[in-house]
Amino acid sequence: MSFPSELHATSLVITPAAIQAYAHLTQDFNPIHLDPEFAARTPMGSVIAHGTMSIGLIWQSLAKSLTAKDFLKVKLDVRFVKPVRLKDSLVSGGRLQAGDHPVYDVWVKGADDGEERIVGTATLSV
């Protein structure tokens, strides 16, 4: 089987409207995502985006890069490195590791600063 060496990049700018829309979509109205006054009193210090919103970028990169059959065989293992904040511009991607089994190093990074927000692997069971 042949797999692409790089995943297609996917991007998103974090706006209040994007966070509101995601909160309604997921029914996750945690004030850390929606209430600036509440969020300012937390260890995060300000509003942060839903973590699953950022993980969704990785899934989009995988969906754009793999066949539907291979996409259904993906196991994603990620960790959050840095919070995603309002006005962050994000880009996701991935690179195929060397070896016999298809495993991608995946990430979400700041498009402007290159800092990692999420890192991990996407493993395909074949």
PDB file of N, CA and C in Angstrom:
ATOM      1  N   MET A   1       0.839  -1.185   0.000  1.00  0.00           N
ATOM      2  CA  MET A   1       0.000   0.000   0.000  1.00  0.00           C
ATOM      3  C   MET A   1       0.879   1.242   0.000  1.00  0.00           C
ATOM      4  N   SER A   2       0.377   2.266  -0.600  1.00  0.00           N
ATOM      5  CA  SER A   2       1.095   3.534  -0.656  1.00  0.00           C
ATOM      6  C   SER A   2       0.294   4.605   0.084  1.00  0.00           C
ATOM      7  N   PHE A   3       0.990   5.333   0.924  1.00  0.00           N
ATOM      8  CA  PHE A   3       0.364   6.401   1.692  1.00  0.00           C
ATOM      9  C   PHE A   3       1.098   7.701   1.409  1.00  0.00           C
ATOM     10  N   PRO A   4       0.396   8.832   1.442  1.00  0.00           N
ATOM     11  CA  PRO A   4       1.079  10.112   1.211  1.00  0.00           C
ATOM     12  C   PRO A   4       2.114  10.376   2.301  1.00  0.00           C
ATOM     13  N   SER A   5       3.237  10.961   1.919  1.00  0.00           N
ATOM     14  CA  SER A   5       4.291  11.238   2.900  1.00  0.00           C
ATOM     15  C   SER A   5       3.938  12.413   3.807  1.00  0.00           C
ATOM     16  N   GLU A   6       3.088  13.317   3.324  1.00  0.00           N
ATOM     17  CA  GLU A   6       2.658  14.485   4.110  1.00  0.00           C
ATOM     18  C   GLU A   6       1.135  14.566   4.075  1.00  0.00           C
ATOM     19  N   LEU A   7       0.557  14.976   5.182  1.00  0.00           N
ATOM     20  CA  LEU A   7      -0.887  15.213   5.212  1.00  0.00           C
ATOM     21  C   LEU A   7      -1.182  16.616   4.706  1.00  0.00           C
ATOM     22  N   HIS A   8      -2.319  16.777   4.068  1.00  0.00           N
ATOM     23  CA  HIS A   8      -2.755  18.104   3.632  1.00  0.00           C
ATOM     24  C   HIS A   8      -2.951  19.002   4.850  1.00  0.00           C
ATOM     25  N   ALA A   9      -2.499  20.218   4.740  1.00  0.00           N
ATOM     26  CA  ALA A   9      -2.660  21.181   5.836  1.00  0.00           C
ATOM     27  C   ALA A   9      -4.108  21.661   5.898  1.00  0.00           C
ATOM     28  N   THR A  10      -4.563  21.906   7.106  1.00  0.00           N
ATOM     29  CA  THR A  10      -5.876  22.486   7.348  1.00  0.00           C
ATOM     30  C   THR A  10      -5.676  23.640   8.322  1.00  0.00           C
ATOM     31  N   SER A  11      -6.422  24.724   8.135  1.00  0.00           N
ATOM     32  CA  SER A  11      -6.194  25.888   8.990  1.00  0.00           C
ATOM     33  C   SER A  11      -7.504  26.431   9.551  1.00  0.00           C
ATOM     34  N   LEU A  12      -7.354  27.206  10.615  1.00  0.00           N
ATOM     35  CA  LEU A  12      -8.498  27.815  11.283  1.00  0.00           C
ATOM     36  C   LEU A  12      -8.006  28.998  12.098  1.00  0.00           C
ATOM     37  N   VAL A  13      -8.748  30.103  12.051  1.00  0.00           N
ATOM     38  CA  VAL A  13      -8.499  31.245  12.931  1.00  0.00           C
ATOM     39  C   VAL A  13      -9.541  31.194  14.035  1.00  0.00           C
ATOM     40  N   ILE A  14      -9.086  31.273  15.276  1.00  0.00           N
ATOM     41  CA  ILE A  14      -9.976  31.168  16.421  1.00  0.00           C
ATOM     42  C   ILE A  14     -10.596  32.536  16.711  1.00  0.00           C
ATOM     43  N   THR A  15     -11.884  32.630  16.472  1.00  0.00           N
ATOM     44  CA  THR A  15     -12.640  33.859  16.708  1.00  0.00           C
ATOM     45  C   THR A  15     -13.717  33.572  17.753  1.00  0.00           C
ATOM     46  N   PRO A  16     -14.257  34.622  18.380  1.00  0.00           N
ATOM     47  CA  PRO A  16     -15.386  34.385  19.291  1.00  0.00           C
ATOM     48  C   PRO A  16     -16.544  33.676  18.581  1.00  0.00           C
ATOM     49  N   ALA A  17     -16.798  34.037  17.332  1.00  0.00           N
ATOM     50  CA  ALA A  17     -17.894  33.397  16.593  1.00  0.00           C
ATOM     51  C   ALA A  17     -17.623  31.908  16.375  1.00  0.00           C
ATOM     52  N   ALA A  18     -16.369  31.541  16.096  1.00  0.00           N
ATOM     53  CA  ALA A  18     -16.030  30.126  15.903  1.00  0.00           C
ATOM     54  C   ALA A  18     -16.226  29.351  17.202  1.00  0.00           C
ATOM     55  N   ILE A  19     -15.805  29.935  18.318  1.00  0.00           N
ATOM     56  CA  ILE A  19     -15.980  29.270  19.611  1.00  0.00           C
ATOM     57  C   ILE A  19     -17.465  29.133  19.951  1.00  0.00           C
ATOM     58  N   GLN A  20     -18.248  30.190  19.717  1.00  0.00           N
ATOM     59  CA  GLN A  20     -19.699  30.134  19.968  1.00  0.00           C
ATOM     60  C   GLN A  20     -20.352  29.041  19.122  1.00  0.00           C
ATOM     61  N   ALA A  21     -20.011  29.009  17.843  1.00  0.00           N
ATOM     62  CA  ALA A  21     -20.600  28.009  16.944  1.00  0.00           C
ATOM     63  C   ALA A  21     -20.236  26.600  17.391  1.00  0.00           C
ATOM     64  N   TYR A  22     -18.977  26.401  17.798  1.00  0.00           N
ATOM     65  CA  TYR A  22     -18.547  25.086  18.251  1.00  0.00           C
ATOM     66  C   TYR A  22     -19.246  24.710  19.556  1.00  0.00           C
ATOM     67  N   ALA A  23     -19.427  25.661  20.451  1.00  0.00           N
ATOM     68  CA  ALA A  23     -20.143  25.396  21.708  1.00  0.00           C
ATOM     69  C   ALA A  23     -21.565  24.930  21.422  1.00  0.00           C
ATOM     70  N   HIS A  24     -22.233  25.576  20.483  1.00  0.00           N
ATOM     71  CA  HIS A  24     -23.602  25.178  20.140  1.00  0.00           C
ATOM     72  C   HIS A  24     -23.625  23.820  19.459  1.00  0.00           C
ATOM     73  N   LEU A  25     -22.649  23.558  18.601  1.00  0.00           N
ATOM     74  CA  LEU A  25     -22.582  22.279  17.908  1.00  0.00           C
ATOM     75  C   LEU A  25     -22.386  21.122  18.885  1.00  0.00           C
ATOM     76  N   THR A  26     -21.520  21.326  19.861  1.00  0.00           N
ATOM     77  CA  THR A  26     -21.171  20.254  20.794  1.00  0.00           C
ATOM     78  C   THR A  26     -21.962  20.293  22.099  1.00  0.00           C
ATOM     79  N   GLN A  27     -22.716  21.379  22.310  1.00  0.00           N
ATOM     80  CA  GLN A  27     -23.442  21.585  23.565  1.00  0.00           C
ATOM     81  C   GLN A  27     -22.484  21.672  24.759  1.00  0.00           C
ATOM     82  N   ASP A  28     -21.274  22.172  24.502  1.00  0.00           N
ATOM     83  CA  ASP A  28     -20.271  22.370  25.552  1.00  0.00           C
ATOM     84  C   ASP A  28     -20.169  23.861  25.831  1.00  0.00           C
ATOM     85  N   PHE A  29     -20.888  24.296  26.855  1.00  0.00           N
ATOM     86  CA  PHE A  29     -20.954  25.719  27.200  1.00  0.00           C
ATOM     87  C   PHE A  29     -20.106  26.053  28.431  1.00  0.00           C
ATOM     88  N   ASN A  30     -19.025  25.325  28.630  1.00  0.00           N
ATOM     89  CA  ASN A  30     -18.125  25.591  29.740  1.00  0.00           C
ATOM     90  C   ASN A  30     -17.676  27.051  29.671  1.00  0.00           C
ATOM     91  N   PRO A  31     -17.791  27.802  30.775  1.00  0.00           N
ATOM     92  CA  PRO A  31     -17.448  29.226  30.732  1.00  0.00           C
ATOM     93  C   PRO A  31     -15.977  29.512  30.420  1.00  0.00           C
ATOM     94  N   ILE A  32     -15.082  28.537  30.563  1.00  0.00           N
ATOM     95  CA  ILE A  32     -13.681  28.763  30.193  1.00  0.00           C
ATOM     96  C   ILE A  32     -13.554  29.075  28.699  1.00  0.00           C
ATOM     97  N   HIS A  33     -14.563  28.644  27.929  1.00  0.00           N
ATOM     98  CA  HIS A  33     -14.566  28.876  26.481  1.00  0.00           C
ATOM     99  C   HIS A  33     -15.367  30.118  26.083  1.00  0.00           C
ATOM    100  N   LEU A  34     -16.275  30.557  26.937  1.00  0.00           N
ATOM    101  CA  LEU A  34     -17.259  31.551  26.514  1.00  0.00           C
ATOM    102  C   LEU A  34     -17.317  32.835  27.339  1.00  0.00           C
ATOM    103  N   ASP A  35     -16.852  32.797  28.562  1.00  0.00           N
ATOM    104  CA  ASP A  35     -17.017  33.932  29.466  1.00  0.00           C
ATOM    105  C   ASP A  35     -15.653  34.534  29.826  1.00  0.00           C
ATOM    106  N   PRO A  36     -15.292  35.648  29.199  1.00  0.00           N
ATOM    107  CA  PRO A  36     -13.968  36.251  29.456  1.00  0.00           C
ATOM    108  C   PRO A  36     -13.719  36.584  30.930  1.00  0.00           C
ATOM    109  N   GLU A  37     -14.738  37.050  31.645  1.00  0.00           N
ATOM    110  CA  GLU A  37     -14.554  37.392  33.059  1.00  0.00           C
ATOM    111  C   GLU A  37     -14.274  36.144  33.894  1.00  0.00           C
ATOM    112  N   PHE A  38     -15.034  35.077  33.635  1.00  0.00           N
ATOM    113  CA  PHE A  38     -14.796  33.822  34.340  1.00  0.00           C
ATOM    114  C   PHE A  38     -13.410  33.286  33.998  1.00  0.00           C
ATOM    115  N   ALA A  39     -13.096  33.236  32.706  1.00  0.00           N
ATOM    116  CA  ALA A  39     -11.827  32.664  32.248  1.00  0.00           C
ATOM    117  C   ALA A  39     -10.624  33.413  32.809  1.00  0.00           C
ATOM    118  N   ALA A  40     -10.768  34.729  33.002  1.00  0.00           N
ATOM    119  CA  ALA A  40      -9.672  35.538  33.541  1.00  0.00           C
ATOM    120  C   ALA A  40      -9.313  35.119  34.969  1.00  0.00           C
ATOM    121  N   ARG A  41     -10.263  34.544  35.702  1.00  0.00           N
ATOM    122  CA  ARG A  41     -10.040  34.132  37.083  1.00  0.00           C
ATOM    123  C   ARG A  41      -9.520  32.698  37.193  1.00  0.00           C
ATOM    124  N   THR A  42      -9.328  32.020  36.081  1.00  0.00           N
ATOM    125  CA  THR A  42      -8.839  30.637  36.088  1.00  0.00           C
ATOM    126  C   THR A  42      -7.325  30.618  35.840  1.00  0.00           C
ATOM    127  N   PRO A  43      -6.690  29.480  36.059  1.00  0.00           N
ATOM    128  CA  PRO A  43      -5.258  29.375  35.745  1.00  0.00           C
ATOM    129  C   PRO A  43      -4.932  29.652  34.266  1.00  0.00           C
ATOM    130  N   MET A  44      -5.896  29.502  33.383  1.00  0.00           N
ATOM    131  CA  MET A  44      -5.666  29.780  31.961  1.00  0.00           C
ATOM    132  C   MET A  44      -5.540  31.279  31.704  1.00  0.00           C
ATOM    133  N   GLY A  45      -6.180  32.111  32.537  1.00  0.00           N
ATOM    134  CA  GLY A  45      -6.046  33.557  32.436  1.00  0.00           C
ATOM    135  C   GLY A  45      -6.896  34.237  31.394  1.00  0.00           C
ATOM    136  N   SER A  46      -7.440  33.475  30.468  1.00  0.00           N
ATOM    137  CA  SER A  46      -8.319  34.037  29.438  1.00  0.00           C
ATOM    138  C   SER A  46      -9.070  32.896  28.760  1.00  0.00           C
ATOM    139  N   VAL A  47      -9.985  33.257  27.885  1.00  0.00           N
ATOM    140  CA  VAL A  47     -10.774  32.272  27.145  1.00  0.00           C
ATOM    141  C   VAL A  47      -9.841  31.383  26.331  1.00  0.00           C
ATOM    142  N   ILE A  48     -10.144  30.083  26.336  1.00  0.00           N
ATOM    143  CA  ILE A  48      -9.435  29.136  25.475  1.00  0.00           C
ATOM    144  C   ILE A  48     -10.459  28.412  24.602  1.00  0.00           C
ATOM    145  N   ALA A  49     -10.016  27.988  23.450  1.00  0.00           N
ATOM    146  CA  ALA A  49     -10.882  27.236  22.540  1.00  0.00           C
ATOM    147  C   ALA A  49     -11.055  25.805  23.050  1.00  0.00           C
ATOM    148  N   HIS A  50     -12.128  25.178  22.645  1.00  0.00           N
ATOM    149  CA  HIS A  50     -12.372  23.778  22.961  1.00  0.00           C
ATOM    150  C   HIS A  50     -11.230  22.939  22.374  1.00  0.00           C
ATOM    151  N   GLY A  51     -10.692  22.032  23.168  1.00  0.00           N
ATOM    152  CA  GLY A  51      -9.613  21.182  22.676  1.00  0.00           C
ATOM    153  C   GLY A  51     -10.024  20.342  21.486  1.00  0.00           C
ATOM    154  N   THR A  52     -11.257  19.866  21.507  1.00  0.00           N
ATOM    155  CA  THR A  52     -11.720  19.021  20.400  1.00  0.00           C
ATOM    156  C   THR A  52     -11.865  19.805  19.102  1.00  0.00           C
ATOM    157  N   MET A  53     -12.012  21.125  19.195  1.00  0.00           N
ATOM    158  CA  MET A  53     -12.050  21.934  17.972  1.00  0.00           C
ATOM    159  C   MET A  53     -10.704  21.842  17.259  1.00  0.00           C
ATOM    160  N   SER A  54      -9.626  21.917  18.027  1.00  0.00           N
ATOM    161  CA  SER A  54      -8.293  21.827  17.449  1.00  0.00           C
ATOM    162  C   SER A  54      -7.990  20.418  16.946  1.00  0.00           C
ATOM    163  N   ILE A  55      -8.420  19.412  17.703  1.00  0.00           N
ATOM    164  CA  ILE A  55      -8.222  18.030  17.249  1.00  0.00           C
ATOM    165  C   ILE A  55      -8.958  17.800  15.933  1.00  0.00           C
ATOM    166  N   GLY A  56     -10.087  18.469  15.768  1.00  0.00           N
ATOM    167  CA  GLY A  56     -10.835  18.359  14.512  1.00  0.00           C
ATOM    168  C   GLY A  56     -10.005  18.751  13.300  1.00  0.00           C
ATOM    169  N   LEU A  57      -9.063  19.666  13.480  1.00  0.00           N
ATOM    170  CA  LEU A  57      -8.187  20.045  12.361  1.00  0.00           C
ATOM    171  C   LEU A  57      -7.326  18.866  11.919  1.00  0.00           C
ATOM    172  N   ILE A  58      -6.844  18.094  12.884  1.00  0.00           N
ATOM    173  CA  ILE A  58      -6.054  16.907  12.527  1.00  0.00           C
ATOM    174  C   ILE A  58      -6.924  15.923  11.758  1.00  0.00           C
ATOM    175  N   TRP A  59      -8.136  15.700  12.230  1.00  0.00           N
ATOM    176  CA  TRP A  59      -9.046  14.784  11.515  1.00  0.00           C
ATOM    177  C   TRP A  59      -9.319  15.281  10.093  1.00  0.00           C
ATOM    178  N   GLN A  60      -9.453  16.601   9.934  1.00  0.00           N
ATOM    179  CA  GLN A  60      -9.661  17.143   8.589  1.00  0.00           C
ATOM    180  C   GLN A  60      -8.452  16.884   7.704  1.00  0.00           C
ATOM    181  N   SER A  61      -7.249  17.058   8.235  1.00  0.00           N
ATOM    182  CA  SER A  61      -6.039  16.780   7.453  1.00  0.00           C
ATOM    183  C   SER A  61      -5.997  15.314   7.031  1.00  0.00           C
ATOM    184  N   LEU A  62      -6.332  14.429   7.944  1.00  0.00           N
ATOM    185  CA  LEU A  62      -6.355  12.996   7.624  1.00  0.00           C
ATOM    186  C   LEU A  62      -7.410  12.683   6.570  1.00  0.00           C
ATOM    187  N   ALA A  63      -8.596  13.270   6.711  1.00  0.00           N
ATOM    188  CA  ALA A  63      -9.681  13.007   5.759  1.00  0.00           C
ATOM    189  C   ALA A  63      -9.337  13.500   4.358  1.00  0.00           C
ATOM    190  N   LYS A  64      -8.623  14.628   4.272  1.00  0.00           N
ATOM    191  CA  LYS A  64      -8.225  15.165   2.969  1.00  0.00           C
ATOM    192  C   LYS A  64      -7.107  14.353   2.325  1.00  0.00           C
ATOM    193  N   SER A  65      -6.376  13.588   3.120  1.00  0.00           N
ATOM    194  CA  SER A  65      -5.164  12.936   2.634  1.00  0.00           C
ATOM    195  C   SER A  65      -5.300  11.437   2.392  1.00  0.00           C
ATOM    196  N   LEU A  66      -6.204  10.792   3.091  1.00  0.00           N
ATOM    197  CA  LEU A  66      -6.338   9.340   3.023  1.00  0.00           C
ATOM    198  C   LEU A  66      -7.602   8.946   2.283  1.00  0.00           C
ATOM    199  N   THR A  67      -7.631   7.720   1.823  1.00  0.00           N
ATOM    200  CA  THR A  67      -8.866   7.203   1.251  1.00  0.00           C
ATOM    201  C   THR A  67      -9.882   7.030   2.380  1.00  0.00           C
ATOM    202  N   ALA A  68     -11.153   6.970   2.027  1.00  0.00           N
ATOM    203  CA  ALA A  68     -12.196   6.793   3.039  1.00  0.00           C
ATOM    204  C   ALA A  68     -11.978   5.490   3.808  1.00  0.00           C
ATOM    205  N   LYS A  69     -11.568   4.459   3.119  1.00  0.00           N
ATOM    206  CA  LYS A  69     -11.326   3.153   3.754  1.00  0.00           C
ATOM    207  C   LYS A  69     -10.192   3.262   4.773  1.00  0.00           C
ATOM    208  N   ASP A  70      -9.088   3.919   4.399  1.00  0.00           N
ATOM    209  CA  ASP A  70      -7.960   4.064   5.325  1.00  0.00           C
ATOM    210  C   ASP A  70      -8.301   5.010   6.474  1.00  0.00           C
ATOM    211  N   PHE A  71      -9.062   6.058   6.188  1.00  0.00           N
ATOM    212  CA  PHE A  71      -9.451   7.013   7.224  1.00  0.00           C
ATOM    213  C   PHE A  71     -10.186   6.313   8.368  1.00  0.00           C
ATOM    214  N   LEU A  72     -11.003   5.343   8.030  1.00  0.00           N
ATOM    215  CA  LEU A  72     -11.773   4.623   9.054  1.00  0.00           C
ATOM    216  C   LEU A  72     -10.902   3.725   9.925  1.00  0.00           C
ATOM    217  N   LYS A  73      -9.641   3.537   9.541  1.00  0.00           N
ATOM    218  CA  LYS A  73      -8.721   2.669  10.289  1.00  0.00           C
ATOM    219  C   LYS A  73      -7.747   3.449  11.167  1.00  0.00           C
ATOM    220  N   VAL A  74      -7.970   4.744  11.329  1.00  0.00           N
ATOM    221  CA  VAL A  74      -7.035   5.591  12.067  1.00  0.00           C
ATOM    222  C   VAL A  74      -7.308   5.555  13.562  1.00  0.00           C
ATOM    223  N   LYS A  75      -6.227   5.410  14.326  1.00  0.00           N
ATOM    224  CA  LYS A  75      -6.277   5.575  15.783  1.00  0.00           C
ATOM    225  C   LYS A  75      -5.432   6.807  16.086  1.00  0.00           C
ATOM    226  N   LEU A  76      -6.055   7.795  16.675  1.00  0.00           N
ATOM    227  CA  LEU A  76      -5.385   9.053  16.984  1.00  0.00           C
ATOM    228  C   LEU A  76      -4.970   9.055  18.451  1.00  0.00           C
ATOM    229  N   ASP A  77      -3.707   9.409  18.704  1.00  0.00           N
ATOM    230  CA  ASP A  77      -3.178   9.508  20.066  1.00  0.00           C
ATOM    231  C   ASP A  77      -2.463  10.849  20.165  1.00  0.00           C
ATOM    232  N   VAL A  78      -3.056  11.795  20.895  1.00  0.00           N
ATOM    233  CA  VAL A  78      -2.501  13.147  20.948  1.00  0.00           C
ATOM    234  C   VAL A  78      -2.422  13.654  22.380  1.00  0.00           C
ATOM    235  N   ARG A  79      -1.624  14.694  22.536  1.00  0.00           N
ATOM    236  CA  ARG A  79      -1.584  15.399  23.820  1.00  0.00           C
ATOM    237  C   ARG A  79      -1.593  16.894  23.544  1.00  0.00           C
ATOM    238  N   PHE A  80      -2.186  17.625  24.471  1.00  0.00           N
ATOM    239  CA  PHE A  80      -2.259  19.079  24.375  1.00  0.00           C
ATOM    240  C   PHE A  80      -0.975  19.666  24.944  1.00  0.00           C
ATOM    241  N   VAL A  81      -0.317  20.522  24.172  1.00  0.00           N
ATOM    242  CA  VAL A  81       0.952  21.108  24.573  1.00  0.00           C
ATOM    243  C   VAL A  81       0.766  22.530  25.087  1.00  0.00           C
ATOM    244  N   LYS A  82      -0.119  23.272  24.439  1.00  0.00           N
ATOM    245  CA  LYS A  82      -0.320  24.679  24.770  1.00  0.00           C
ATOM    246  C   LYS A  82      -1.768  25.039  24.458  1.00  0.00           C
ATOM    247  N   PRO A  83      -2.416  25.846  25.316  1.00  0.00           N
ATOM    248  CA  PRO A  83      -3.808  26.220  25.046  1.00  0.00           C
ATOM    249  C   PRO A  83      -3.955  27.022  23.755  1.00  0.00           C
ATOM    250  N   VAL A  84      -5.099  26.870  23.142  1.00  0.00           N
ATOM    251  CA  VAL A  84      -5.464  27.645  21.958  1.00  0.00           C
ATOM    252  C   VAL A  84      -6.329  28.807  22.417  1.00  0.00           C
ATOM    253  N   ARG A  85      -5.926  30.008  22.033  1.00  0.00           N
ATOM    254  CA  ARG A  85      -6.585  31.218  22.516  1.00  0.00           C
ATOM    255  C   ARG A  85      -7.242  31.988  21.374  1.00  0.00           C
ATOM    256  N   LEU A  86      -8.104  32.927  21.761  1.00  0.00           N
ATOM    257  CA  LEU A  86      -8.730  33.794  20.766  1.00  0.00           C
ATOM    258  C   LEU A  86      -7.657  34.447  19.896  1.00  0.00           C
ATOM    259  N   LYS A  87      -7.958  34.576  18.652  1.00  0.00           N
ATOM    260  CA  LYS A  87      -7.108  35.183  17.623  1.00  0.00           C
ATOM    261  C   LYS A  87      -5.954  34.298  17.176  1.00  0.00           C
ATOM    262  N   ASP A  88      -5.783  33.103  17.775  1.00  0.00           N
ATOM    263  CA  ASP A  88      -4.764  32.189  17.279  1.00  0.00           C
ATOM    264  C   ASP A  88      -5.132  31.747  15.869  1.00  0.00           C
ATOM    265  N   SER A  89      -4.153  31.715  15.028  1.00  0.00           N
ATOM    266  CA  SER A  89      -4.298  31.164  13.678  1.00  0.00           C
ATOM    267  C   SER A  89      -3.586  29.816  13.702  1.00  0.00           C
ATOM    268  N   LEU A  90      -4.314  28.757  13.409  1.00  0.00           N
ATOM    269  CA  LEU A  90      -3.795  27.400  13.540  1.00  0.00           C
ATOM    270  C   LEU A  90      -3.632  26.716  12.196  1.00  0.00           C
ATOM    271  N   VAL A  91      -2.697  25.785  12.146  1.00  0.00           N
ATOM    272  CA  VAL A  91      -2.539  24.921  10.977  1.00  0.00           C
ATOM    273  C   VAL A  91      -2.236  23.513  11.484  1.00  0.00           C
ATOM    274  N   SER A  92      -2.860  22.537  10.844  1.00  0.00           N
ATOM    275  CA  SER A  92      -2.608  21.143  11.217  1.00  0.00           C
ATOM    276  C   SER A  92      -1.884  20.460  10.071  1.00  0.00           C
ATOM    277  N   GLY A  93      -1.232  19.370  10.401  1.00  0.00           N
ATOM    278  CA  GLY A  93      -0.539  18.596   9.372  1.00  0.00           C
ATOM    279  C   GLY A  93       0.007  17.320   9.956  1.00  0.00           C
ATOM    280  N   GLY A  94       0.781  16.639   9.150  1.00  0.00           N
ATOM    281  CA  GLY A  94       1.387  15.397   9.586  1.00  0.00           C
ATOM    282  C   GLY A  94       2.391  14.901   8.577  1.00  0.00           C
ATOM    283  N   ARG A  95       3.277  14.038   9.074  1.00  0.00           N
ATOM    284  CA  ARG A  95       4.334  13.472   8.238  1.00  0.00           C
ATOM    285  C   ARG A  95       4.423  11.980   8.530  1.00  0.00           C
ATOM    286  N   LEU A  96       4.506  11.181   7.478  1.00  0.00           N
ATOM    287  CA  LEU A  96       4.597   9.729   7.595  1.00  0.00           C
ATOM    288  C   LEU A  96       5.946   9.339   8.194  1.00  0.00           C
ATOM    289  N   GLN A  97       5.912   8.520   9.234  1.00  0.00           N
ATOM    290  CA  GLN A  97       7.147   8.009   9.823  1.00  0.00           C
ATOM    291  C   GLN A  97       7.730   6.929   8.924  1.00  0.00           C
ATOM    292  N   ALA A  98       9.037   6.748   8.991  1.00  0.00           N
ATOM    293  CA  ALA A  98       9.684   5.645   8.286  1.00  0.00           C
ATOM    294  C   ALA A  98       9.307   4.347   8.995  1.00  0.00           C
ATOM    295  N   GLY A  99       9.182   3.283   8.243  1.00  0.00           N
ATOM    296  CA  GLY A  99       8.879   1.996   8.851  1.00  0.00           C
ATOM    297  C   GLY A  99       7.885   1.209   8.038  1.00  0.00           C
ATOM    298  N   ASP A 100       7.585   0.022   8.526  1.00  0.00           N
ATOM    299  CA  ASP A 100       6.698  -0.897   7.814  1.00  0.00           C
ATOM    300  C   ASP A 100       5.224  -0.602   8.032  1.00  0.00           C
ATOM    301  N   HIS A 101       4.884   0.050   9.156  1.00  0.00           N
ATOM    302  CA  HIS A 101       3.487   0.320   9.466  1.00  0.00           C
ATOM    303  C   HIS A 101       3.193   1.797   9.252  1.00  0.00           C
ATOM    304  N   PRO A 102       2.032   2.110   8.698  1.00  0.00           N
ATOM    305  CA  PRO A 102       1.700   3.519   8.459  1.00  0.00           C
ATOM    306  C   PRO A 102       1.343   4.268   9.744  1.00  0.00           C
ATOM    307  N   VAL A 103       2.278   5.108  10.181  1.00  0.00           N
ATOM    308  CA  VAL A 103       2.097   5.953  11.358  1.00  0.00           C
ATOM    309  C   VAL A 103       2.515   7.361  10.965  1.00  0.00           C
ATOM    310  N   TYR A 104       1.648   8.319  11.250  1.00  0.00           N
ATOM    311  CA  TYR A 104       1.945   9.730  10.986  1.00  0.00           C
ATOM    312  C   TYR A 104       2.220  10.453  12.300  1.00  0.00           C
ATOM    313  N   ASP A 105       3.262  11.276  12.308  1.00  0.00           N
ATOM    314  CA  ASP A 105       3.401  12.274  13.349  1.00  0.00           C
ATOM    315  C   ASP A 105       2.440  13.382  12.970  1.00  0.00           C
ATOM    316  N   VAL A 106       1.554  13.777  13.870  1.00  0.00           N
ATOM    317  CA  VAL A 106       0.541  14.797  13.580  1.00  0.00           C
ATOM    318  C   VAL A 106       0.669  15.948  14.557  1.00  0.00           C
ATOM    319  N   TRP A 107       0.164  17.095  14.134  1.00  0.00           N
ATOM    320  CA  TRP A 107       0.273  18.284  14.980  1.00  0.00           C
ATOM    321  C   TRP A 107      -0.753  19.330  14.607  1.00  0.00           C
ATOM    322  N   VAL A 108      -0.958  20.225  15.558  1.00  0.00           N
ATOM    323  CA  VAL A 108      -1.608  21.512  15.331  1.00  0.00           C
ATOM    324  C   VAL A 108      -0.621  22.536  15.865  1.00  0.00           C
ATOM    325  N   LYS A 109      -0.273  23.502  15.015  1.00  0.00           N
ATOM    326  CA  LYS A 109       0.699  24.536  15.375  1.00  0.00           C
ATOM    327  C   LYS A 109       0.097  25.910  15.126  1.00  0.00           C
ATOM    328  N   GLY A 110       0.680  26.904  15.760  1.00  0.00           N
ATOM    329  CA  GLY A 110       0.339  28.277  15.444  1.00  0.00           C
ATOM    330  C   GLY A 110       0.868  28.606  14.058  1.00  0.00           C
ATOM    331  N   ALA A 111       0.012  29.116  13.197  1.00  0.00           N
ATOM    332  CA  ALA A 111       0.443  29.453  11.842  1.00  0.00           C
ATOM    333  C   ALA A 111       1.435  30.613  11.849  1.00  0.00           C
ATOM    334  N   ASP A 112       1.300  31.500  12.825  1.00  0.00           N
ATOM    335  CA  ASP A 112       2.170  32.673  12.898  1.00  0.00           C
ATOM    336  C   ASP A 112       3.448  32.416  13.688  1.00  0.00           C
ATOM    337  N   ASP A 113       3.337  31.648  14.772  1.00  0.00           N
ATOM    338  CA  ASP A 113       4.503  31.464  15.637  1.00  0.00           C
ATOM    339  C   ASP A 113       5.142  30.080  15.526  1.00  0.00           C
ATOM    340  N   GLY A 114       4.482  29.131  14.853  1.00  0.00           N
ATOM    341  CA  GLY A 114       5.025  27.787  14.695  1.00  0.00           C
ATOM    342  C   GLY A 114       5.026  26.954  15.971  1.00  0.00           C
ATOM    343  N   GLU A 115       4.485  27.504  17.052  1.00  0.00           N
ATOM    344  CA  GLU A 115       4.480  26.778  18.323  1.00  0.00           C
ATOM    345  C   GLU A 115       3.427  25.674  18.307  1.00  0.00           C
ATOM    346  N   GLU A 116       3.817  24.508  18.806  1.00  0.00           N
ATOM    347  CA  GLU A 116       2.911  23.369  18.860  1.00  0.00           C
ATOM    348  C   GLU A 116       1.812  23.599  19.884  1.00  0.00           C
ATOM    349  N   ARG A 117       0.595  23.285  19.486  1.00  0.00           N
ATOM    350  CA  ARG A 117      -0.546  23.302  20.399  1.00  0.00           C
ATOM    351  C   ARG A 117      -0.966  21.872  20.741  1.00  0.00           C
ATOM    352  N   ILE A 118      -0.920  20.983  19.740  1.00  0.00           N
ATOM    353  CA  ILE A 118      -1.235  19.564  19.913  1.00  0.00           C
ATOM    354  C   ILE A 118      -0.190  18.767  19.129  1.00  0.00           C
ATOM    355  N   VAL A 119       0.277  17.663  19.712  1.00  0.00           N
ATOM    356  CA  VAL A 119       1.198  16.751  19.022  1.00  0.00           C
ATOM    357  C   VAL A 119       0.740  15.326  19.277  1.00  0.00           C
ATOM    358  N   GLY A 120       1.106  14.435  18.387  1.00  0.00           N
ATOM    359  CA  GLY A 120       0.764  13.031  18.597  1.00  0.00           C
ATOM    360  C   GLY A 120       1.010  12.206  17.354  1.00  0.00           C
ATOM    361  N   THR A 121       0.319  11.074  17.312  1.00  0.00           N
ATOM    362  CA  THR A 121       0.440  10.159  16.190  1.00  0.00           C
ATOM    363  C   THR A 121      -0.936   9.724  15.708  1.00  0.00           C
ATOM    364  N   ALA A 122      -0.978   9.409  14.434  1.00  0.00           N
ATOM    365  CA  ALA A 122      -2.165   8.803  13.821  1.00  0.00           C
ATOM    366  C   ALA A 122      -1.682   7.476  13.217  1.00  0.00           C
ATOM    367  N   THR A 123      -2.170   6.372  13.771  1.00  0.00           N
ATOM    368  CA  THR A 123      -1.746   5.051  13.355  1.00  0.00           C
ATOM    369  C   THR A 123      -2.862   4.396  12.562  1.00  0.00           C
ATOM    370  N   LEU A 124      -2.521   3.856  11.408  1.00  0.00           N
ATOM    371  CA  LEU A 124      -3.502   3.147  10.589  1.00  0.00           C
ATOM    372  C   LEU A 124      -3.350   1.652  10.809  1.00  0.00           C
ATOM    373  N   SER A 125      -4.442   0.995  11.103  1.00  0.00           N
ATOM    374  CA  SER A 125      -4.405  -0.469  11.199  1.00  0.00           C
ATOM    375  C   SER A 125      -4.633  -1.010   9.806  1.00  0.00           C
ATOM    376  N   VAL A 126      -3.703  -1.833   9.356  1.00  0.00           N
ATOM    377  CA  VAL A 126      -3.810  -2.392   7.985  1.00  0.00           C
ATOM    378  C   VAL A 126      -3.925  -3.891   8.039  1.00  0.00           C
TER     379      VAL A 126
END
